[in-house]
Amino acid sequence: MISESLGHTSIRTTQIYLKGFELADRTRVNRLNYAYIFSEKTSG
């Protein structure tokens, strides 16, 4: 899902890109994504 949203055709490109972010930042964004996905599933 991340690769697609970033327009990457290779998962390796996404992995390299995400390595540039601190773990705390990746965790925060993942939590926001999960919250959004969960709210979409429950709202309709």
Protein backbone atom coordinates (compact mmCIF):
# COMPACT_ATOMS: atom_id res chain seq x y z
CA MET A 1 0.00 0.00 0.00
CA ILE A 2 2.81 2.43 0.82
CA SER A 3 4.66 1.59 -2.39
CA GLU A 4 1.55 2.21 -4.46
CA SER A 5 0.71 5.49 -2.77
CA LEU A 6 4.27 6.73 -3.34
CA GLY A 7 4.23 5.60 -6.95
CA HIS A 8 7.04 3.07 -6.49
CA THR A 9 7.08 0.00 -8.70
CA SER A 10 9.61 -1.77 -6.48
CA ILE A 11 9.21 -2.61 -2.79
CA ARG A 12 12.99 -2.18 -2.50
CA THR A 13 12.68 1.48 -3.49
CA THR A 14 10.12 1.99 -0.74
CA GLN A 15 12.30 0.21 1.82
CA ILE A 16 15.26 2.44 0.95
CA TYR A 17 13.06 5.53 1.12
CA LEU A 18 11.58 4.63 4.51
CA LYS A 19 15.01 3.89 6.02
CA GLY A 20 15.60 7.63 5.90
CA PHE A 21 13.01 8.20 8.63
CA GLU A 22 13.45 7.57 12.34
CA LEU A 23 11.55 4.63 13.83
CA ALA A 24 9.46 6.98 15.98
CA ASP A 25 8.34 8.87 12.87
CA ARG A 26 7.46 5.67 11.01
CA THR A 27 5.54 4.41 14.04
CA ARG A 28 3.57 7.67 14.33
CA VAL A 29 2.61 7.61 10.65
CA ASN A 30 1.65 3.93 10.82
CA ARG A 31 -0.65 4.64 13.75
CA LEU A 32 -2.31 7.46 11.83
CA ASN A 33 -2.77 5.18 8.81
CA TYR A 34 -4.30 2.40 10.89
CA ALA A 35 -6.64 4.87 12.59
CA TYR A 36 -7.76 6.18 9.21
CA ILE A 37 -8.29 2.70 7.78
CA PHE A 38 -10.21 1.60 10.86
CA SER A 39 -12.43 4.71 10.79
CA GLU A 40 -13.21 4.14 7.10
CA LYS A 41 -14.21 0.53 7.74
CA THR A 42 -16.53 1.44 10.60
CA SER A 43 -18.08 4.49 8.94
CA GLY A 44 -19.18 2.86 5.86
